[in-house]
């Protein structure tokens, strides 16, 4: 096997590993976001867990974060929770950074 082949396989493994970390971090972020939003909506216990799981599933429907943002925005509006789009997106970014750190610490 040539050095080129070894390098190519190494790059493929790194790409697969990075993609797995990204997927897990997104799912973790969605769960953390779901628990945070559930608290804002007055949900706790199993109801909060169910909401967080539903948010993880919601993110699988479309690529990107817009599907999650739209669902959370609609739920907050329906629950009369006053939170700006800017603060919601900022919280999503903060929770993603936290989720990446958690996932990387587990690997």
PDB file of N, CA and C in Angstrom:
ATOM      1  N   UNK A   1       0.853  -1.170   0.000  1.00  0.00           N
ATOM      2  CA  UNK A   1       0.000   0.000   0.000  1.00  0.00           C
ATOM      3  C   UNK A   1       0.902   1.237   0.000  1.00  0.00           C
ATOM      4  N   UNK A   2       0.533   2.206  -0.776  1.00  0.00           N
ATOM      5  CA  UNK A   2       1.372   3.395  -0.899  1.00  0.00           C
ATOM      6  C   UNK A   2       1.073   4.396   0.210  1.00  0.00           C
ATOM      7  N   UNK A   3       1.961   5.338   0.359  1.00  0.00           N
ATOM      8  CA  UNK A   3       1.774   6.409   1.328  1.00  0.00           C
ATOM      9  C   UNK A   3       0.527   7.209   0.995  1.00  0.00           C
ATOM     10  N   UNK A   4       0.265   7.385  -0.287  1.00  0.00           N
ATOM     11  CA  UNK A   4      -0.925   8.111  -0.721  1.00  0.00           C
ATOM     12  C   UNK A   4      -2.191   7.396  -0.248  1.00  0.00           C
ATOM     13  N   UNK A   5      -2.206   6.072  -0.410  1.00  0.00           N
ATOM     14  CA  UNK A   5      -3.366   5.291   0.039  1.00  0.00           C
ATOM     15  C   UNK A   5      -3.563   5.400   1.547  1.00  0.00           C
ATOM     16  N   UNK A   6      -2.451   5.333   2.292  1.00  0.00           N
ATOM     17  CA  UNK A   6      -2.523   5.465   3.745  1.00  0.00           C
ATOM     18  C   UNK A   6      -3.075   6.833   4.139  1.00  0.00           C
ATOM     19  N   UNK A   7      -2.582   7.843   3.460  1.00  0.00           N
ATOM     20  CA  UNK A   7      -3.033   9.206   3.755  1.00  0.00           C
ATOM     21  C   UNK A   7      -4.522   9.367   3.434  1.00  0.00           C
ATOM     22  N   UNK A   8      -4.948   8.797   2.311  1.00  0.00           N
ATOM     23  CA  UNK A   8      -6.342   8.882   1.906  1.00  0.00           C
ATOM     24  C   UNK A   8      -7.248   8.194   2.933  1.00  0.00           C
ATOM     25  N   UNK A   9      -6.849   7.021   3.387  1.00  0.00           N
ATOM     26  CA  UNK A   9      -7.640   6.303   4.385  1.00  0.00           C
ATOM     27  C   UNK A   9      -7.685   7.068   5.707  1.00  0.00           C
ATOM     28  N   UNK A  10      -6.581   7.682   6.058  1.00  0.00           N
ATOM     29  CA  UNK A  10      -6.541   8.492   7.271  1.00  0.00           C
ATOM     30  C   UNK A  10      -7.494   9.675   7.177  1.00  0.00           C
ATOM     31  N   UNK A  11      -7.520  10.324   6.017  1.00  0.00           N
ATOM     32  CA  UNK A  11      -8.425  11.455   5.813  1.00  0.00           C
ATOM     33  C   UNK A  11      -9.883  11.005   5.864  1.00  0.00           C
ATOM     34  N   UNK A  12     -10.169   9.845   5.273  1.00  0.00           N
ATOM     35  CA  UNK A  12     -11.538   9.315   5.303  1.00  0.00           C
ATOM     36  C   UNK A  12     -11.974   9.031   6.736  1.00  0.00           C
ATOM     37  N   UNK A  13     -11.086   8.454   7.542  1.00  0.00           N
ATOM     38  CA  UNK A  13     -11.413   8.165   8.935  1.00  0.00           C
ATOM     39  C   UNK A  13     -11.647   9.452   9.719  1.00  0.00           C
ATOM     40  N   UNK A  14     -10.804  10.459   9.474  1.00  0.00           N
ATOM     41  CA  UNK A  14     -10.963  11.736  10.156  1.00  0.00           C
ATOM     42  C   UNK A  14     -12.290  12.385   9.770  1.00  0.00           C
ATOM     43  N   UNK A  15     -12.635  12.350   8.490  1.00  0.00           N
ATOM     44  CA  UNK A  15     -13.898  12.927   8.029  1.00  0.00           C
ATOM     45  C   UNK A  15     -15.080  12.228   8.697  1.00  0.00           C
ATOM     46  N   UNK A  16     -15.042  10.910   8.740  1.00  0.00           N
ATOM     47  CA  UNK A  16     -16.125  10.142   9.359  1.00  0.00           C
ATOM     48  C   UNK A  16     -16.224  10.459  10.849  1.00  0.00           C
ATOM     49  N   UNK A  17     -15.087  10.556  11.508  1.00  0.00           N
ATOM     50  CA  UNK A  17     -15.065  10.872  12.936  1.00  0.00           C
ATOM     51  C   UNK A  17     -15.632  12.268  13.188  1.00  0.00           C
ATOM     52  N   UNK A  18     -15.201  13.244  12.401  1.00  0.00           N
ATOM     53  CA  UNK A  18     -15.688  14.618  12.548  1.00  0.00           C
ATOM     54  C   UNK A  18     -17.194  14.707  12.298  1.00  0.00           C
ATOM     55  N   UNK A  19     -17.675  13.972  11.302  1.00  0.00           N
ATOM     56  CA  UNK A  19     -19.112  13.975  10.995  1.00  0.00           C
ATOM     57  C   UNK A  19     -19.901  13.360  12.153  1.00  0.00           C
ATOM     58  N   UNK A  20     -19.367  12.321  12.759  1.00  0.00           N
ATOM     59  CA  UNK A  20     -20.041  11.682  13.893  1.00  0.00           C
ATOM     60  C   UNK A  20     -20.094  12.629  15.094  1.00  0.00           C
ATOM     61  N   UNK A  21     -19.000  13.317  15.365  1.00  0.00           N
ATOM     62  CA  UNK A  21     -18.954  14.287  16.461  1.00  0.00           C
ATOM     63  C   UNK A  21     -19.977  15.397  16.213  1.00  0.00           C
ATOM     64  N   UNK A  22     -20.027  15.896  14.978  1.00  0.00           N
ATOM     65  CA  UNK A  22     -20.959  16.969  14.640  1.00  0.00           C
ATOM     66  C   UNK A  22     -22.412  16.522  14.830  1.00  0.00           C
ATOM     67  N   UNK A  23     -22.726  15.316  14.371  1.00  0.00           N
ATOM     68  CA  UNK A  23     -24.089  14.795  14.511  1.00  0.00           C
ATOM     69  C   UNK A  23     -24.468  14.658  15.987  1.00  0.00           C
ATOM     70  N   UNK A  24     -23.584  14.072  16.762  1.00  0.00           N
ATOM     71  CA  UNK A  24     -23.860  13.882  18.190  1.00  0.00           C
ATOM     72  C   UNK A  24     -23.998  15.222  18.906  1.00  0.00           C
ATOM     73  N   UNK A  25     -23.153  16.181  18.540  1.00  0.00           N
ATOM     74  CA  UNK A  25     -23.211  17.495  19.175  1.00  0.00           C
ATOM     75  C   UNK A  25     -24.513  18.210  18.834  1.00  0.00           C
ATOM     76  N   UNK A  26     -24.960  18.091  17.590  1.00  0.00           N
ATOM     77  CA  UNK A  26     -26.234  18.709  17.202  1.00  0.00           C
ATOM     78  C   UNK A  26     -27.392  18.099  18.003  1.00  0.00           C
ATOM     79  N   UNK A  27     -27.389  16.785  18.096  1.00  0.00           N
ATOM     80  CA  UNK A  27     -28.454  16.115  18.857  1.00  0.00           C
ATOM     81  C   UNK A  27     -28.399  16.506  20.335  1.00  0.00           C
ATOM     82  N   UNK A  28     -27.199  16.592  20.881  1.00  0.00           N
ATOM     83  CA  UNK A  28     -27.049  16.998  22.285  1.00  0.00           C
ATOM     84  C   UNK A  28     -27.511  18.437  22.472  1.00  0.00           C
ATOM     85  N   UNK A  29     -27.136  19.306  21.534  1.00  0.00           N
ATOM     86  CA  UNK A  29     -27.579  20.708  21.608  1.00  0.00           C
ATOM     87  C   UNK A  29     -29.103  20.795  21.593  1.00  0.00           C
ATOM     88  N   UNK A  30     -29.727  20.018  20.700  1.00  0.00           N
ATOM     89  CA  UNK A  30     -31.180  20.034  20.607  1.00  0.00           C
ATOM     90  C   UNK A  30     -31.828  19.565  21.915  1.00  0.00           C
ATOM     91  N   UNK A  31     -31.232  18.571  22.543  1.00  0.00           N
ATOM     92  CA  UNK A  31     -31.769  18.086  23.819  1.00  0.00           C
ATOM     93  C   UNK A  31     -31.619  19.158  24.896  1.00  0.00           C
ATOM     94  N   UNK A  32     -30.437  19.768  24.975  1.00  0.00           N
ATOM     95  CA  UNK A  32     -30.218  20.829  25.955  1.00  0.00           C
ATOM     96  C   UNK A  32     -31.157  22.010  25.705  1.00  0.00           C
ATOM     97  N   UNK A  33     -31.321  22.367  24.446  1.00  0.00           N
ATOM     98  CA  UNK A  33     -32.225  23.446  24.080  1.00  0.00           C
ATOM     99  C   UNK A  33     -33.657  23.089  24.464  1.00  0.00           C
ATOM    100  N   UNK A  34     -34.040  21.859  24.180  1.00  0.00           N
ATOM    101  CA  UNK A  34     -35.389  21.407  24.508  1.00  0.00           C
ATOM    102  C   UNK A  34     -35.666  21.477  25.998  1.00  0.00           C
ATOM    103  N   UNK A  35     -34.699  21.091  26.815  1.00  0.00           N
ATOM    104  CA  UNK A  35     -34.882  21.158  28.264  1.00  0.00           C
ATOM    105  C   UNK A  35     -34.969  22.605  28.741  1.00  0.00           C
ATOM    106  N   UNK A  36     -34.165  23.484  28.134  1.00  0.00           N
ATOM    107  CA  UNK A  36     -34.186  24.899  28.494  1.00  0.00           C
ATOM    108  C   UNK A  36     -35.536  25.531  28.126  1.00  0.00           C
ATOM    109  N   UNK A  37     -35.996  25.251  26.908  1.00  0.00           N
ATOM    110  CA  UNK A  37     -37.274  25.807  26.446  1.00  0.00           C
ATOM    111  C   UNK A  37     -38.425  25.222  27.272  1.00  0.00           C
ATOM    112  N   UNK A  38     -38.358  23.939  27.552  1.00  0.00           N
ATOM    113  CA  UNK A  38     -39.409  23.313  28.365  1.00  0.00           C
ATOM    114  C   UNK A  38     -39.527  24.020  29.708  1.00  0.00           C
ATOM    115  N   UNK A  39     -38.396  24.365  30.299  1.00  0.00           N
ATOM    116  CA  UNK A  39     -38.413  25.086  31.571  1.00  0.00           C
ATOM    117  C   UNK A  39     -39.085  26.451  31.409  1.00  0.00           C
ATOM    118  N   UNK A  40     -38.762  27.155  30.317  1.00  0.00           N
ATOM    119  CA  UNK A  40     -39.391  28.455  30.056  1.00  0.00           C
ATOM    120  C   UNK A  40     -40.899  28.319  29.885  1.00  0.00           C
ATOM    121  N   UNK A  41     -41.323  27.171  29.341  1.00  0.00           N
ATOM    122  CA  UNK A  41     -42.749  26.921  29.118  1.00  0.00           C
ATOM    123  C   UNK A  41     -43.458  26.336  30.344  1.00  0.00           C
ATOM    124  N   UNK A  42     -42.700  26.135  31.426  1.00  0.00           N
ATOM    125  CA  UNK A  42     -43.296  25.618  32.652  1.00  0.00           C
ATOM    126  C   UNK A  42     -43.426  24.107  32.693  1.00  0.00           C
ATOM    127  N   UNK A  43     -42.692  23.425  31.819  1.00  0.00           N
ATOM    128  CA  UNK A  43     -42.736  21.957  31.799  1.00  0.00           C
ATOM    129  C   UNK A  43     -41.593  21.414  32.651  1.00  0.00           C
ATOM    130  N   UNK A  44     -41.831  20.264  33.254  1.00  0.00           N
ATOM    131  CA  UNK A  44     -40.782  19.630  34.045  1.00  0.00           C
ATOM    132  C   UNK A  44     -40.942  18.124  33.983  1.00  0.00           C
ATOM    133  N   UNK A  45     -39.949  17.426  34.479  1.00  0.00           N
ATOM    134  CA  UNK A  45     -39.990  15.970  34.547  1.00  0.00           C
ATOM    135  C   UNK A  45     -40.166  15.317  33.193  1.00  0.00           C
ATOM    136  N   UNK A  46     -41.023  14.300  33.127  1.00  0.00           N
ATOM    137  CA  UNK A  46     -41.222  13.566  31.875  1.00  0.00           C
ATOM    138  C   UNK A  46     -41.731  14.441  30.728  1.00  0.00           C
ATOM    139  N   UNK A  47     -42.512  15.447  31.065  1.00  0.00           N
ATOM    140  CA  UNK A  47     -43.029  16.341  30.030  1.00  0.00           C
ATOM    141  C   UNK A  47     -41.886  17.132  29.385  1.00  0.00           C
ATOM    142  N   UNK A  48     -40.943  17.582  30.194  1.00  0.00           N
ATOM    143  CA  UNK A  48     -39.777  18.304  29.675  1.00  0.00           C
ATOM    144  C   UNK A  48     -38.900  17.373  28.848  1.00  0.00           C
ATOM    145  N   UNK A  49     -38.698  16.148  29.320  1.00  0.00           N
ATOM    146  CA  UNK A  49     -37.902  15.170  28.575  1.00  0.00           C
ATOM    147  C   UNK A  49     -38.537  14.857  27.222  1.00  0.00           C
ATOM    148  N   UNK A  50     -39.856  14.710  27.211  1.00  0.00           N
ATOM    149  CA  UNK A  50     -40.569  14.426  25.958  1.00  0.00           C
ATOM    150  C   UNK A  50     -40.427  15.587  24.985  1.00  0.00           C
ATOM    151  N   UNK A  51     -40.490  16.807  25.498  1.00  0.00           N
ATOM    152  CA  UNK A  51     -40.326  17.978  24.635  1.00  0.00           C
ATOM    153  C   UNK A  51     -38.916  18.002  24.037  1.00  0.00           C
ATOM    154  N   UNK A  52     -37.913  17.721  24.864  1.00  0.00           N
ATOM    155  CA  UNK A  52     -36.530  17.711  24.390  1.00  0.00           C
ATOM    156  C   UNK A  52     -36.323  16.640  23.315  1.00  0.00           C
ATOM    157  N   UNK A  53     -36.893  15.472  23.518  1.00  0.00           N
ATOM    158  CA  UNK A  53     -36.779  14.403  22.521  1.00  0.00           C
ATOM    159  C   UNK A  53     -37.473  14.793  21.226  1.00  0.00           C
ATOM    160  N   UNK A  54     -38.612  15.451  21.329  1.00  0.00           N
ATOM    161  CA  UNK A  54     -39.332  15.892  20.132  1.00  0.00           C
ATOM    162  C   UNK A  54     -38.514  16.910  19.350  1.00  0.00           C
ATOM    163  N   UNK A  55     -37.756  17.725  20.050  1.00  0.00           N
ATOM    164  CA  UNK A  55     -36.915  18.713  19.381  1.00  0.00           C
ATOM    165  C   UNK A  55     -35.762  18.042  18.644  1.00  0.00           C
ATOM    166  N   UNK A  56     -35.204  16.996  19.219  1.00  0.00           N
ATOM    167  CA  UNK A  56     -34.143  16.236  18.549  1.00  0.00           C
ATOM    168  C   UNK A  56     -34.685  15.640  17.250  1.00  0.00           C
ATOM    169  N   UNK A  57     -35.874  15.075  17.305  1.00  0.00           N
ATOM    170  CA  UNK A  57     -36.504  14.483  16.117  1.00  0.00           C
ATOM    171  C   UNK A  57     -36.804  15.565  15.084  1.00  0.00           C
ATOM    172  N   UNK A  58     -37.244  16.723  15.539  1.00  0.00           N
ATOM    173  CA  UNK A  58     -37.556  17.833  14.640  1.00  0.00           C
ATOM    174  C   UNK A  58     -36.344  18.228  13.805  1.00  0.00           C
ATOM    175  N   UNK A  59     -35.171  18.183  14.419  1.00  0.00           N
ATOM    176  CA  UNK A  59     -33.951  18.589  13.721  1.00  0.00           C
ATOM    177  C   UNK A  59     -33.575  17.623  12.610  1.00  0.00           C
ATOM    178  N   UNK A  60     -34.098  16.424  12.638  1.00  0.00           N
ATOM    179  CA  UNK A  60     -33.777  15.443  11.601  1.00  0.00           C
ATOM    180  C   UNK A  60     -34.596  15.656  10.330  1.00  0.00           C
ATOM    181  N   UNK A  61     -35.597  16.519  10.385  1.00  0.00           N
ATOM    182  CA  UNK A  61     -36.487  16.720   9.246  1.00  0.00           C
ATOM    183  C   UNK A  61     -35.843  17.496   8.107  1.00  0.00           C
ATOM    184  N   UNK A  62     -35.035  18.487   8.428  1.00  0.00           N
ATOM    185  CA  UNK A  62     -34.398  19.335   7.424  1.00  0.00           C
ATOM    186  C   UNK A  62     -32.947  19.557   7.819  1.00  0.00           C
ATOM    187  N   UNK A  63     -32.086  19.778   6.829  1.00  0.00           N
ATOM    188  CA  UNK A  63     -30.715  20.142   7.182  1.00  0.00           C
ATOM    189  C   UNK A  63     -30.678  21.553   7.784  1.00  0.00           C
ATOM    190  N   UNK A  64     -29.736  21.786   8.657  1.00  0.00           N
ATOM    191  CA  UNK A  64     -29.592  23.105   9.255  1.00  0.00           C
ATOM    192  C   UNK A  64     -30.411  23.260  10.515  1.00  0.00           C
ATOM    193  N   UNK A  65     -30.382  24.479  11.054  1.00  0.00           N
ATOM    194  CA  UNK A  65     -31.022  24.760  12.331  1.00  0.00           C
ATOM    195  C   UNK A  65     -32.390  25.417  12.212  1.00  0.00           C
ATOM    196  N   UNK A  66     -32.794  25.794  11.022  1.00  0.00           N
ATOM    197  CA  UNK A  66     -34.024  26.564  10.875  1.00  0.00           C
ATOM    198  C   UNK A  66     -35.269  25.806  11.340  1.00  0.00           C
ATOM    199  N   UNK A  67     -35.312  24.503  11.115  1.00  0.00           N
ATOM    200  CA  UNK A  67     -36.480  23.734  11.554  1.00  0.00           C
ATOM    201  C   UNK A  67     -36.622  23.784  13.074  1.00  0.00           C
ATOM    202  N   UNK A  68     -35.506  23.654  13.774  1.00  0.00           N
ATOM    203  CA  UNK A  68     -35.529  23.708  15.233  1.00  0.00           C
ATOM    204  C   UNK A  68     -35.893  25.116  15.692  1.00  0.00           C
ATOM    205  N   UNK A  69     -35.262  26.114  15.075  1.00  0.00           N
ATOM    206  CA  UNK A  69     -35.551  27.497  15.443  1.00  0.00           C
ATOM    207  C   UNK A  69     -37.037  27.814  15.273  1.00  0.00           C
ATOM    208  N   UNK A  70     -37.602  27.412  14.131  1.00  0.00           N
ATOM    209  CA  UNK A  70     -39.018  27.701  13.858  1.00  0.00           C
ATOM    210  C   UNK A  70     -39.937  27.028  14.879  1.00  0.00           C
ATOM    211  N   UNK A  71     -39.637  25.775  15.224  1.00  0.00           N
ATOM    212  CA  UNK A  71     -40.479  25.063  16.201  1.00  0.00           C
ATOM    213  C   UNK A  71     -40.399  25.738  17.565  1.00  0.00           C
ATOM    214  N   UNK A  72     -39.184  26.034  17.996  1.00  0.00           N
ATOM    215  CA  UNK A  72     -39.016  26.664  19.303  1.00  0.00           C
ATOM    216  C   UNK A  72     -39.675  28.042  19.315  1.00  0.00           C
ATOM    217  N   UNK A  73     -39.470  28.807  18.249  1.00  0.00           N
ATOM    218  CA  UNK A  73     -40.069  30.146  18.159  1.00  0.00           C
ATOM    219  C   UNK A  73     -41.596  30.048  18.268  1.00  0.00           C
ATOM    220  N   UNK A  74     -42.191  29.103  17.538  1.00  0.00           N
ATOM    221  CA  UNK A  74     -43.643  28.923  17.575  1.00  0.00           C
ATOM    222  C   UNK A  74     -44.108  28.495  18.965  1.00  0.00           C
ATOM    223  N   UNK A  75     -43.368  27.598  19.595  1.00  0.00           N
ATOM    224  CA  UNK A  75     -43.748  27.126  20.924  1.00  0.00           C
ATOM    225  C   UNK A  75     -43.634  28.244  21.968  1.00  0.00           C
ATOM    226  N   UNK A  76     -42.583  29.048  21.866  1.00  0.00           N
ATOM    227  CA  UNK A  76     -42.424  30.164  22.796  1.00  0.00           C
ATOM    228  C   UNK A  76     -43.532  31.194  22.597  1.00  0.00           C
ATOM    229  N   UNK A  77     -43.852  31.470  21.343  1.00  0.00           N
ATOM    230  CA  UNK A  77     -44.943  32.413  21.055  1.00  0.00           C
ATOM    231  C   UNK A  77     -46.272  31.883  21.600  1.00  0.00           C
ATOM    232  N   UNK A  78     -46.526  30.596  21.383  1.00  0.00           N
ATOM    233  CA  UNK A  78     -47.772  29.990  21.864  1.00  0.00           C
ATOM    234  C   UNK A  78     -47.846  29.999  23.395  1.00  0.00           C
ATOM    235  N   UNK A  79     -46.693  29.907  24.031  1.00  0.00           N
ATOM    236  CA  UNK A  79     -46.644  29.922  25.487  1.00  0.00           C
ATOM    237  C   UNK A  79     -46.508  31.313  26.076  1.00  0.00           C
ATOM    238  N   UNK A  80     -46.591  32.325  25.207  1.00  0.00           N
ATOM    239  CA  UNK A  80     -46.467  33.722  25.638  1.00  0.00           C
ATOM    240  C   UNK A  80     -45.165  34.006  26.373  1.00  0.00           C
ATOM    241  N   UNK A  81     -44.079  33.386  25.905  1.00  0.00           N
ATOM    242  CA  UNK A  81     -42.757  33.634  26.473  1.00  0.00           C
ATOM    243  C   UNK A  81     -42.097  34.712  25.628  1.00  0.00           C
ATOM    244  N   UNK A  82     -41.718  35.807  26.263  1.00  0.00           N
ATOM    245  CA  UNK A  82     -41.115  36.938  25.572  1.00  0.00           C
ATOM    246  C   UNK A  82     -39.604  36.720  25.464  1.00  0.00           C
ATOM    247  N   UNK A  83     -39.152  36.327  24.283  1.00  0.00           N
ATOM    248  CA  UNK A  83     -37.737  36.090  24.032  1.00  0.00           C
ATOM    249  C   UNK A  83     -37.463  36.467  22.590  1.00  0.00           C
ATOM    250  N   UNK A  84     -36.492  37.328  22.380  1.00  0.00           N
ATOM    251  CA  UNK A  84     -36.205  37.782  21.022  1.00  0.00           C
ATOM    252  C   UNK A  84     -35.550  36.678  20.196  1.00  0.00           C
ATOM    253  N   UNK A  85     -35.657  36.814  18.891  1.00  0.00           N
ATOM    254  CA  UNK A  85     -34.999  35.870  17.987  1.00  0.00           C
ATOM    255  C   UNK A  85     -33.499  35.880  18.221  1.00  0.00           C
ATOM    256  N   UNK A  86     -32.948  37.070  18.436  1.00  0.00           N
ATOM    257  CA  UNK A  86     -31.506  37.201  18.662  1.00  0.00           C
ATOM    258  C   UNK A  86     -31.065  36.397  19.892  1.00  0.00           C
ATOM    259  N   UNK A  87     -31.798  36.541  20.980  1.00  0.00           N
ATOM    260  CA  UNK A  87     -31.433  35.800  22.200  1.00  0.00           C
ATOM    261  C   UNK A  87     -31.622  34.299  22.036  1.00  0.00           C
ATOM    262  N   UNK A  88     -32.637  33.909  21.289  1.00  0.00           N
ATOM    263  CA  UNK A  88     -32.850  32.483  21.039  1.00  0.00           C
ATOM    264  C   UNK A  88     -31.697  31.910  20.219  1.00  0.00           C
ATOM    265  N   UNK A  89     -31.314  32.599  19.164  1.00  0.00           N
ATOM    266  CA  UNK A  89     -30.186  32.118  18.344  1.00  0.00           C
ATOM    267  C   UNK A  89     -28.880  32.113  19.134  1.00  0.00           C
ATOM    268  N   UNK A  90     -28.701  33.112  19.980  1.00  0.00           N
ATOM    269  CA  UNK A  90     -27.505  33.160  20.819  1.00  0.00           C
ATOM    270  C   UNK A  90     -27.468  31.960  21.768  1.00  0.00           C
ATOM    271  N   UNK A  91     -28.620  31.643  22.359  1.00  0.00           N
ATOM    272  CA  UNK A  91     -28.691  30.490  23.266  1.00  0.00           C
ATOM    273  C   UNK A  91     -28.410  29.196  22.507  1.00  0.00           C
ATOM    274  N   UNK A  92     -28.925  29.098  21.279  1.00  0.00           N
ATOM    275  CA  UNK A  92     -28.653  27.912  20.463  1.00  0.00           C
ATOM    276  C   UNK A  92     -27.155  27.771  20.211  1.00  0.00           C
ATOM    277  N   UNK A  93     -26.481  28.875  19.925  1.00  0.00           N
ATOM    278  CA  UNK A  93     -25.029  28.848  19.699  1.00  0.00           C
ATOM    279  C   UNK A  93     -24.279  28.457  20.966  1.00  0.00           C
ATOM    280  N   UNK A  94     -24.685  29.026  22.095  1.00  0.00           N
ATOM    281  CA  UNK A  94     -24.046  28.700  23.377  1.00  0.00           C
ATOM    282  C   UNK A  94     -24.207  27.221  23.703  1.00  0.00           C
ATOM    283  N   UNK A  95     -25.408  26.710  23.499  1.00  0.00           N
ATOM    284  CA  UNK A  95     -25.652  25.302  23.807  1.00  0.00           C
ATOM    285  C   UNK A  95     -24.927  24.372  22.848  1.00  0.00           C
ATOM    286  N   UNK A  96     -24.735  24.806  21.595  1.00  0.00           N
ATOM    287  CA  UNK A  96     -23.962  23.994  20.656  1.00  0.00           C
ATOM    288  C   UNK A  96     -22.511  23.902  21.122  1.00  0.00           C
ATOM    289  N   UNK A  97     -21.947  25.013  21.548  1.00  0.00           N
ATOM    290  CA  UNK A  97     -20.566  24.995  22.053  1.00  0.00           C
ATOM    291  C   UNK A  97     -20.456  24.077  23.274  1.00  0.00           C
ATOM    292  N   UNK A  98     -21.443  24.150  24.161  1.00  0.00           N
ATOM    293  CA  UNK A  98     -21.461  23.280  25.336  1.00  0.00           C
ATOM    294  C   UNK A  98     -21.589  21.814  24.923  1.00  0.00           C
ATOM    295  N   UNK A  99     -22.450  21.544  23.955  1.00  0.00           N
ATOM    296  CA  UNK A  99     -22.655  20.175  23.498  1.00  0.00           C
ATOM    297  C   UNK A  99     -21.407  19.603  22.831  1.00  0.00           C
ATOM    298  N   UNK A 100     -20.715  20.413  22.039  1.00  0.00           N
ATOM    299  CA  UNK A 100     -19.474  19.964  21.392  1.00  0.00           C
ATOM    300  C   UNK A 100     -18.455  19.597  22.462  1.00  0.00           C
ATOM    301  N   UNK A 101     -18.318  20.431  23.471  1.00  0.00           N
ATOM    302  CA  UNK A 101     -17.371  20.154  24.548  1.00  0.00           C
ATOM    303  C   UNK A 101     -17.742  18.860  25.279  1.00  0.00           C
ATOM    304  N   UNK A 102     -19.031  18.662  25.534  1.00  0.00           N
ATOM    305  CA  UNK A 102     -19.465  17.438  26.221  1.00  0.00           C
ATOM    306  C   UNK A 102     -19.176  16.196  25.385  1.00  0.00           C
ATOM    307  N   UNK A 103     -19.512  16.266  24.094  1.00  0.00           N
ATOM    308  CA  UNK A 103     -19.315  15.107  23.214  1.00  0.00           C
ATOM    309  C   UNK A 103     -17.827  14.795  23.073  1.00  0.00           C
ATOM    310  N   UNK A 104     -17.016  15.821  22.901  1.00  0.00           N
ATOM    311  CA  UNK A 104     -15.567  15.588  22.748  1.00  0.00           C
ATOM    312  C   UNK A 104     -14.957  15.027  24.019  1.00  0.00           C
ATOM    313  N   UNK A 105     -15.478  15.397  25.174  1.00  0.00           N
ATOM    314  CA  UNK A 105     -14.940  14.874  26.419  1.00  0.00           C
ATOM    315  C   UNK A 105     -15.302  13.402  26.623  1.00  0.00           C
ATOM    316  N   UNK A 106     -16.335  12.955  25.930  1.00  0.00           N
ATOM    317  CA  UNK A 106     -16.772  11.561  26.048  1.00  0.00           C
ATOM    318  C   UNK A 106     -16.033  10.642  25.103  1.00  0.00           C
ATOM    319  N   UNK A 107     -15.382  11.205  24.101  1.00  0.00           N
ATOM    320  CA  UNK A 107     -14.720  10.374  23.076  1.00  0.00           C
ATOM    321  C   UNK A 107     -13.356   9.954  23.521  1.00  0.00           C
TER     322      UNK A 107
END
